[in-house]
Amino acid sequence: MTTPAPTTDRRRKRVVVVGQFTMVVEAVSRSLPATVRTATVALDTAPSTNAARDSVLRSSPALVVLVVSRLDRVYAPDLVSELAGRGQRVVVIGQVGDAGESRELAAAGAMAVLDGVGATELVRLVARLTDPEAGTVGRTRVAVAPRRAPDAALTEERRALRRLARLTPAEARTLWRLMHGDSVLEIAERHVVSVETVRSHIRALLTKLDASSQLAAVALAWRVGWQSSPAVRDAA
């Protein structure tokens, strides 16, 4: 009796994206290609860090992508250590911080520590680390060599950057805070404005970015590496 070939879905490698905020991990997950099965674990909806860790382990992923920012990277070394100690392959991306923090994450067991990495570099890294023929990657900082994007992708990236450049400082600050999981109320309190003002900024930035939702706007900004802009960081 002939054994049926596995379905395309079963052949795809599972990657679990973990982070503090639901919107951020969903945006990162959306940036990965359809050839990768993804799952997300957000600490803002998990009862505890241990519960999030257990959820990741139950998924039996080929790779764990841990997204950190300057607001939540304090928990990252312990989580990396726990996951790596259970045999998981962990990549850390986002606003990692200085070289000392990168070394701490690598020492905790991260296979790659990439500060400010964009979607293109992440896709290449995920493909490399989930390839069964790629072999073992040492637990050190992995440098991803730049590669020329296809013309169509490059054109779309430029269009996205032009749309992002049209945001006012207030709209840019609002988008930055959305990318880090802040609610409308939290943004209003942080910037000492009314909730309705924040909602007005969100409506305006969605229109300028031609985005159908806050998640779509966050995904677009993350995809082109906009979150790494020093000017945006300072404004927020």
C-alpha atoms as a PDB file:
ATOM      1  CA  MET A   1       0.000   0.000   0.000  1.00  0.00           C
ATOM      2  CA  THR A   2       1.407   3.363  -1.019  1.00  0.00           C
ATOM      3  CA  THR A   3       1.738   5.930   1.727  1.00  0.00           C
ATOM      4  CA  PRO A   4       0.184   9.232   0.651  1.00  0.00           C
ATOM      5  CA  ALA A   5       2.556  12.140   0.279  1.00  0.00           C
ATOM      6  CA  PRO A   6       2.448  14.639   3.132  1.00  0.00           C
ATOM      7  CA  THR A   7       0.365  17.714   2.561  1.00  0.00           C
ATOM      8  CA  THR A   8       2.055  20.998   1.790  1.00  0.00           C
ATOM      9  CA  ASP A   9       0.989  22.310   5.189  1.00  0.00           C
ATOM     10  CA  ARG A  10       2.693  19.441   6.997  1.00  0.00           C
ATOM     11  CA  ARG A  11       5.903  19.926   5.053  1.00  0.00           C
ATOM     12  CA  ARG A  12       6.133  23.530   6.135  1.00  0.00           C
ATOM     13  CA  LYS A  13       8.281  24.347   9.145  1.00  0.00           C
ATOM     14  CA  ARG A  14       6.577  25.800  12.197  1.00  0.00           C
ATOM     15  CA  VAL A  15       7.949  29.062  13.526  1.00  0.00           C
ATOM     16  CA  VAL A  16       6.595  30.508  16.761  1.00  0.00           C
ATOM     17  CA  VAL A  17       6.833  34.286  17.159  1.00  0.00           C
ATOM     18  CA  VAL A  18       6.963  35.374  20.807  1.00  0.00           C
ATOM     19  CA  GLY A  19       6.792  38.886  22.214  1.00  0.00           C
ATOM     20  CA  GLN A  20       5.284  41.135  24.819  1.00  0.00           C
ATOM     21  CA  PHE A  21       2.479  42.561  22.705  1.00  0.00           C
ATOM     22  CA  THR A  22      -0.127  40.809  20.560  1.00  0.00           C
ATOM     23  CA  MET A  23      -0.107  43.395  17.782  1.00  0.00           C
ATOM     24  CA  VAL A  24       3.674  43.260  17.425  1.00  0.00           C
ATOM     25  CA  VAL A  25       3.960  39.466  17.236  1.00  0.00           C
ATOM     26  CA  GLU A  26       1.057  39.320  14.775  1.00  0.00           C
ATOM     27  CA  ALA A  27       2.787  41.891  12.563  1.00  0.00           C
ATOM     28  CA  VAL A  28       6.059  39.944  12.602  1.00  0.00           C
ATOM     29  CA  SER A  29       4.211  36.703  11.892  1.00  0.00           C
ATOM     30  CA  ARG A  30       2.462  38.269   8.899  1.00  0.00           C
ATOM     31  CA  SER A  31       5.804  39.282   7.399  1.00  0.00           C
ATOM     32  CA  LEU A  32       6.940  35.655   7.078  1.00  0.00           C
ATOM     33  CA  PRO A  33       6.247  33.839   3.797  1.00  0.00           C
ATOM     34  CA  ALA A  34       3.381  31.410   3.278  1.00  0.00           C
ATOM     35  CA  THR A  35       5.883  28.552   3.090  1.00  0.00           C
ATOM     36  CA  VAL A  36       6.326  28.870   6.863  1.00  0.00           C
ATOM     37  CA  ARG A  37       3.639  27.782   9.310  1.00  0.00           C
ATOM     38  CA  THR A  38       3.524  30.346  12.080  1.00  0.00           C
ATOM     39  CA  ALA A  39       2.051  30.556  15.541  1.00  0.00           C
ATOM     40  CA  THR A  40       2.167  33.485  17.935  1.00  0.00           C
ATOM     41  CA  VAL A  41       2.501  33.765  21.697  1.00  0.00           C
ATOM     42  CA  ALA A  42       2.005  37.187  23.297  1.00  0.00           C
ATOM     43  CA  LEU A  43       2.927  37.767  26.908  1.00  0.00           C
ATOM     44  CA  ASP A  44       0.264  40.442  27.322  1.00  0.00           C
ATOM     45  CA  THR A  45      -2.417  37.746  26.999  1.00  0.00           C
ATOM     46  CA  ALA A  46      -0.557  34.916  28.758  1.00  0.00           C
ATOM     47  CA  PRO A  47      -1.078  34.402  32.513  1.00  0.00           C
ATOM     48  CA  SER A  48       2.700  34.448  33.064  1.00  0.00           C
ATOM     49  CA  THR A  49       6.044  34.140  31.331  1.00  0.00           C
ATOM     50  CA  ASN A  50       6.103  30.466  32.313  1.00  0.00           C
ATOM     51  CA  ALA A  51       2.716  29.940  30.669  1.00  0.00           C
ATOM     52  CA  ALA A  52       4.016  31.583  27.493  1.00  0.00           C
ATOM     53  CA  ARG A  53       7.091  29.346  27.581  1.00  0.00           C
ATOM     54  CA  ASP A  54       4.936  26.234  27.991  1.00  0.00           C
ATOM     55  CA  SER A  55       2.737  27.335  25.093  1.00  0.00           C
ATOM     56  CA  VAL A  56       5.811  27.621  22.878  1.00  0.00           C
ATOM     57  CA  LEU A  57       7.077  24.195  23.916  1.00  0.00           C
ATOM     58  CA  ARG A  58       3.719  22.568  23.177  1.00  0.00           C
ATOM     59  CA  SER A  59       3.981  23.847  19.599  1.00  0.00           C
ATOM     60  CA  SER A  60       7.237  21.903  19.038  1.00  0.00           C
ATOM     61  CA  PRO A  61       8.535  24.618  16.685  1.00  0.00           C
ATOM     62  CA  ALA A  62      11.476  24.374  14.326  1.00  0.00           C
ATOM     63  CA  LEU A  63      12.411  27.902  15.387  1.00  0.00           C
ATOM     64  CA  VAL A  64      11.363  30.493  17.975  1.00  0.00           C
ATOM     65  CA  VAL A  65      11.554  34.183  17.036  1.00  0.00           C
ATOM     66  CA  LEU A  66      11.586  36.365  20.157  1.00  0.00           C
ATOM     67  CA  VAL A  67      10.709  40.013  19.470  1.00  0.00           C
ATOM     68  CA  VAL A  68      11.958  42.493  22.067  1.00  0.00           C
ATOM     69  CA  SER A  69      11.873  46.267  22.431  1.00  0.00           C
ATOM     70  CA  ARG A  70      13.478  48.729  24.773  1.00  0.00           C
ATOM     71  CA  LEU A  71      10.318  48.501  26.884  1.00  0.00           C
ATOM     72  CA  ASP A  72      10.265  44.759  27.526  1.00  0.00           C
ATOM     73  CA  ARG A  73      13.704  43.266  26.920  1.00  0.00           C
ATOM     74  CA  VAL A  74      14.303  42.774  30.658  1.00  0.00           C
ATOM     75  CA  TYR A  75      12.614  39.346  30.579  1.00  0.00           C
ATOM     76  CA  ALA A  76      14.324  38.190  27.373  1.00  0.00           C
ATOM     77  CA  PRO A  77      17.532  36.538  28.711  1.00  0.00           C
ATOM     78  CA  ASP A  78      15.625  34.335  31.159  1.00  0.00           C
ATOM     79  CA  LEU A  79      13.087  33.289  28.526  1.00  0.00           C
ATOM     80  CA  VAL A  80      15.838  32.546  25.998  1.00  0.00           C
ATOM     81  CA  SER A  81      17.700  30.493  28.607  1.00  0.00           C
ATOM     82  CA  GLU A  82      14.600  28.468  29.487  1.00  0.00           C
ATOM     83  CA  LEU A  83      13.702  27.772  25.854  1.00  0.00           C
ATOM     84  CA  ALA A  84      17.268  26.993  24.788  1.00  0.00           C
ATOM     85  CA  GLY A  85      17.622  24.739  27.822  1.00  0.00           C
ATOM     86  CA  ARG A  86      14.684  22.715  26.467  1.00  0.00           C
ATOM     87  CA  GLY A  87      16.419  22.310  23.121  1.00  0.00           C
ATOM     88  CA  GLN A  88      14.632  25.113  21.261  1.00  0.00           C
ATOM     89  CA  ARG A  89      16.359  27.148  18.551  1.00  0.00           C
ATOM     90  CA  VAL A  90      15.824  30.820  19.439  1.00  0.00           C
ATOM     91  CA  VAL A  91      16.423  33.970  17.393  1.00  0.00           C
ATOM     92  CA  VAL A  92      16.103  37.383  19.061  1.00  0.00           C
ATOM     93  CA  ILE A  93      15.149  40.423  16.977  1.00  0.00           C
ATOM     94  CA  GLY A  94      14.005  43.989  17.611  1.00  0.00           C
ATOM     95  CA  GLN A  95      15.566  46.680  19.772  1.00  0.00           C
ATOM     96  CA  VAL A  96      18.112  44.493  21.461  1.00  0.00           C
ATOM     97  CA  GLY A  97      20.151  47.306  22.967  1.00  0.00           C
ATOM     98  CA  ASP A  98      23.899  47.614  23.305  1.00  0.00           C
ATOM     99  CA  ALA A  99      26.615  45.048  22.638  1.00  0.00           C
ATOM    100  CA  GLY A 100      26.554  43.909  26.261  1.00  0.00           C
ATOM    101  CA  GLU A 101      22.881  42.974  26.041  1.00  0.00           C
ATOM    102  CA  SER A 102      23.498  41.175  22.744  1.00  0.00           C
ATOM    103  CA  ARG A 103      26.251  39.121  24.374  1.00  0.00           C
ATOM    104  CA  GLU A 104      23.978  38.351  27.323  1.00  0.00           C
ATOM    105  CA  LEU A 105      21.289  37.005  24.996  1.00  0.00           C
ATOM    106  CA  ALA A 106      23.840  34.966  23.034  1.00  0.00           C
ATOM    107  CA  ALA A 107      25.226  33.570  26.287  1.00  0.00           C
ATOM    108  CA  ALA A 108      21.681  32.639  27.331  1.00  0.00           C
ATOM    109  CA  GLY A 109      21.439  30.427  24.250  1.00  0.00           C
ATOM    110  CA  ALA A 110      20.150  32.590  21.384  1.00  0.00           C
ATOM    111  CA  MET A 111      21.344  31.318  18.009  1.00  0.00           C
ATOM    112  CA  ALA A 112      21.107  34.797  16.517  1.00  0.00           C
ATOM    113  CA  VAL A 113      20.768  38.265  18.027  1.00  0.00           C
ATOM    114  CA  LEU A 114      19.798  40.929  15.506  1.00  0.00           C
ATOM    115  CA  ASP A 115      19.169  44.533  16.508  1.00  0.00           C
ATOM    116  CA  GLY A 116      16.745  46.470  14.315  1.00  0.00           C
ATOM    117  CA  VAL A 117      16.414  43.703  11.734  1.00  0.00           C
ATOM    118  CA  GLY A 118      13.791  44.224   9.038  1.00  0.00           C
ATOM    119  CA  ALA A 119      11.441  41.731   7.465  1.00  0.00           C
ATOM    120  CA  THR A 120      13.678  40.907   4.483  1.00  0.00           C
ATOM    121  CA  GLU A 121      16.604  39.919   6.693  1.00  0.00           C
ATOM    122  CA  LEU A 122      14.317  37.962   9.025  1.00  0.00           C
ATOM    123  CA  VAL A 123      12.821  35.951   6.159  1.00  0.00           C
ATOM    124  CA  ARG A 124      16.301  34.980   4.960  1.00  0.00           C
ATOM    125  CA  LEU A 125      17.397  34.053   8.471  1.00  0.00           C
ATOM    126  CA  VAL A 126      14.291  31.949   9.119  1.00  0.00           C
ATOM    127  CA  ALA A 127      14.821  30.131   5.816  1.00  0.00           C
ATOM    128  CA  ARG A 128      18.412  29.433   6.764  1.00  0.00           C
ATOM    129  CA  LEU A 129      17.697  28.180  10.271  1.00  0.00           C
ATOM    130  CA  THR A 130      14.726  25.991   9.321  1.00  0.00           C
ATOM    131  CA  ASP A 131      16.542  24.322   6.425  1.00  0.00           C
ATOM    132  CA  PRO A 132      17.317  20.746   7.521  1.00  0.00           C
ATOM    133  CA  GLU A 133      20.405  20.759   5.290  1.00  0.00           C
ATOM    134  CA  ALA A 134      21.782  23.965   6.768  1.00  0.00           C
ATOM    135  CA  GLY A 135      23.392  22.167   9.698  1.00  0.00           C
ATOM    136  CA  THR A 136      23.892  23.574  13.159  1.00  0.00           C
ATOM    137  CA  VAL A 137      24.368  27.294  13.563  1.00  0.00           C
ATOM    138  CA  GLY A 138      26.645  28.300  16.414  1.00  0.00           C
ATOM    139  CA  ARG A 139      25.140  30.272  19.262  1.00  0.00           C
ATOM    140  CA  THR A 140      26.716  33.551  18.288  1.00  0.00           C
ATOM    141  CA  ARG A 141      25.580  36.753  16.673  1.00  0.00           C
ATOM    142  CA  VAL A 142      24.615  35.925  13.096  1.00  0.00           C
ATOM    143  CA  ALA A 143      25.370  38.588  10.518  1.00  0.00           C
ATOM    144  CA  VAL A 144      22.957  38.625   7.593  1.00  0.00           C
ATOM    145  CA  ALA A 145      24.600  39.853   4.416  1.00  0.00           C
ATOM    146  CA  PRO A 146      22.630  42.511   2.530  1.00  0.00           C
ATOM    147  CA  ARG A 147      20.958  41.339  -0.633  1.00  0.00           C
ATOM    148  CA  ARG A 148      19.452  43.390  -3.420  1.00  0.00           C
ATOM    149  CA  ALA A 149      15.686  43.169  -3.269  1.00  0.00           C
ATOM    150  CA  PRO A 150      13.706  42.369  -6.414  1.00  0.00           C
ATOM    151  CA  ASP A 151      12.619  45.482  -8.294  1.00  0.00           C
ATOM    152  CA  ALA A 152       8.933  44.972  -7.464  1.00  0.00           C
ATOM    153  CA  ALA A 153       9.630  44.527  -3.756  1.00  0.00           C
ATOM    154  CA  LEU A 154      11.999  47.491  -3.743  1.00  0.00           C
ATOM    155  CA  THR A 155       9.403  49.680  -5.421  1.00  0.00           C
ATOM    156  CA  GLU A 156       6.761  48.661  -2.882  1.00  0.00           C
ATOM    157  CA  GLU A 157       9.169  49.361  -0.028  1.00  0.00           C
ATOM    158  CA  ARG A 158       9.872  52.838  -1.378  1.00  0.00           C
ATOM    159  CA  ARG A 159       6.160  53.511  -1.688  1.00  0.00           C
ATOM    160  CA  ALA A 160       5.631  52.420   1.911  1.00  0.00           C
ATOM    161  CA  LEU A 161       8.475  54.633   3.130  1.00  0.00           C
ATOM    162  CA  ARG A 162       7.056  57.587   1.219  1.00  0.00           C
ATOM    163  CA  ARG A 163       3.671  57.031   2.854  1.00  0.00           C
ATOM    164  CA  LEU A 164       5.292  56.789   6.281  1.00  0.00           C
ATOM    165  CA  ALA A 165       7.210  60.008   5.627  1.00  0.00           C
ATOM    166  CA  ARG A 166       3.874  61.818   5.224  1.00  0.00           C
ATOM    167  CA  LEU A 167       2.933  61.217   8.853  1.00  0.00           C
ATOM    168  CA  THR A 168       2.947  64.212  11.145  1.00  0.00           C
ATOM    169  CA  PRO A 169       5.129  63.973  14.282  1.00  0.00           C
ATOM    170  CA  ALA A 170       2.023  63.247  16.365  1.00  0.00           C
ATOM    171  CA  GLU A 171       0.871  60.509  13.978  1.00  0.00           C
ATOM    172  CA  ALA A 172       4.376  59.008  13.910  1.00  0.00           C
ATOM    173  CA  ARG A 173       4.499  58.939  17.709  1.00  0.00           C
ATOM    174  CA  THR A 174       1.101  57.257  17.785  1.00  0.00           C
ATOM    175  CA  LEU A 175       2.148  54.583  15.286  1.00  0.00           C
ATOM    176  CA  TRP A 176       5.372  53.987  17.206  1.00  0.00           C
ATOM    177  CA  ARG A 177       3.423  53.398  20.403  1.00  0.00           C
ATOM    178  CA  LEU A 178       0.984  51.064  18.608  1.00  0.00           C
ATOM    179  CA  MET A 179       3.977  49.061  17.393  1.00  0.00           C
ATOM    180  CA  HIS A 180       4.945  48.539  21.016  1.00  0.00           C
ATOM    181  CA  GLY A 181       1.536  47.399  22.136  1.00  0.00           C
ATOM    182  CA  ASP A 182       0.185  50.545  23.781  1.00  0.00           C
ATOM    183  CA  SER A 183      -3.575  50.966  23.915  1.00  0.00           C
ATOM    184  CA  VAL A 184      -5.309  54.178  22.866  1.00  0.00           C
ATOM    185  CA  LEU A 185      -5.711  55.134  26.526  1.00  0.00           C
ATOM    186  CA  GLU A 186      -2.027  54.467  27.283  1.00  0.00           C
ATOM    187  CA  ILE A 187      -0.942  56.585  24.316  1.00  0.00           C
ATOM    188  CA  ALA A 188      -3.218  59.413  25.448  1.00  0.00           C
ATOM    189  CA  GLU A 189      -1.812  59.306  28.980  1.00  0.00           C
ATOM    190  CA  ARG A 190       1.792  59.109  27.769  1.00  0.00           C
ATOM    191  CA  HIS A 191       1.451  62.123  25.472  1.00  0.00           C
ATOM    192  CA  VAL A 192      -0.985  64.030  27.710  1.00  0.00           C
ATOM    193  CA  VAL A 193      -3.724  64.302  25.102  1.00  0.00           C
ATOM    194  CA  SER A 194      -7.326  63.152  24.953  1.00  0.00           C
ATOM    195  CA  VAL A 195      -8.379  59.690  23.827  1.00  0.00           C
ATOM    196  CA  GLU A 196     -10.302  61.271  20.947  1.00  0.00           C
ATOM    197  CA  THR A 197      -7.127  63.049  19.806  1.00  0.00           C
ATOM    198  CA  VAL A 198      -5.284  59.726  19.674  1.00  0.00           C
ATOM    199  CA  ARG A 199      -8.153  58.155  17.750  1.00  0.00           C
ATOM    200  CA  SER A 200      -8.016  61.067  15.320  1.00  0.00           C
ATOM    201  CA  HIS A 201      -4.285  60.461  14.806  1.00  0.00           C
ATOM    202  CA  ILE A 202      -4.952  56.769  14.183  1.00  0.00           C
ATOM    203  CA  ARG A 203      -7.644  57.524  11.599  1.00  0.00           C
ATOM    204  CA  ALA A 204      -5.295  59.948   9.856  1.00  0.00           C
ATOM    205  CA  LEU A 205      -2.329  57.581   9.762  1.00  0.00           C
ATOM    206  CA  LEU A 206      -4.486  54.702   8.498  1.00  0.00           C
ATOM    207  CA  THR A 207      -5.645  56.921   5.635  1.00  0.00           C
ATOM    208  CA  LYS A 208      -2.116  58.078   4.781  1.00  0.00           C
ATOM    209  CA  LEU A 209      -0.730  54.538   4.899  1.00  0.00           C
ATOM    210  CA  ASP A 210      -3.703  53.103   2.994  1.00  0.00           C
ATOM    211  CA  ALA A 211      -4.018  50.572   5.823  1.00  0.00           C
ATOM    212  CA  SER A 212      -7.272  48.817   6.646  1.00  0.00           C
ATOM    213  CA  SER A 213      -6.513  48.397  10.355  1.00  0.00           C
ATOM    214  CA  GLN A 214      -4.046  49.227  13.103  1.00  0.00           C
ATOM    215  CA  LEU A 215      -2.478  45.785  12.657  1.00  0.00           C
ATOM    216  CA  ALA A 216      -1.999  46.413   8.929  1.00  0.00           C
ATOM    217  CA  ALA A 217      -0.311  49.745   9.692  1.00  0.00           C
ATOM    218  CA  VAL A 218       1.998  48.146  12.253  1.00  0.00           C
ATOM    219  CA  ALA A 219       2.851  45.324   9.843  1.00  0.00           C
ATOM    220  CA  LEU A 220       3.673  47.785   7.052  1.00  0.00           C
ATOM    221  CA  ALA A 221       5.922  49.885   9.294  1.00  0.00           C
ATOM    222  CA  TRP A 222       7.717  46.847  10.664  1.00  0.00           C
ATOM    223  CA  ARG A 223       8.141  45.304   7.210  1.00  0.00           C
ATOM    224  CA  VAL A 224      10.218  48.239   5.951  1.00  0.00           C
ATOM    225  CA  GLY A 225      12.205  48.650   9.159  1.00  0.00           C
ATOM    226  CA  TRP A 226      10.597  51.978  10.063  1.00  0.00           C
ATOM    227  CA  GLN A 227      10.652  51.132  13.762  1.00  0.00           C
ATOM    228  CA  SER A 228      14.448  51.437  13.726  1.00  0.00           C
ATOM    229  CA  SER A 229      14.474  55.131  12.808  1.00  0.00           C
ATOM    230  CA  PRO A 230      16.302  57.150  15.507  1.00  0.00           C
ATOM    231  CA  ALA A 231      14.070  60.146  14.789  1.00  0.00           C
ATOM    232  CA  VAL A 232      10.967  58.078  15.467  1.00  0.00           C
ATOM    233  CA  ARG A 233      12.434  56.628  18.665  1.00  0.00           C
ATOM    234  CA  ASP A 234      13.270  60.096  19.965  1.00  0.00           C
ATOM    235  CA  ALA A 235       9.816  61.421  19.087  1.00  0.00           C
ATOM    236  CA  ALA A 236       8.089  58.649  21.021  1.00  0.00           C
END
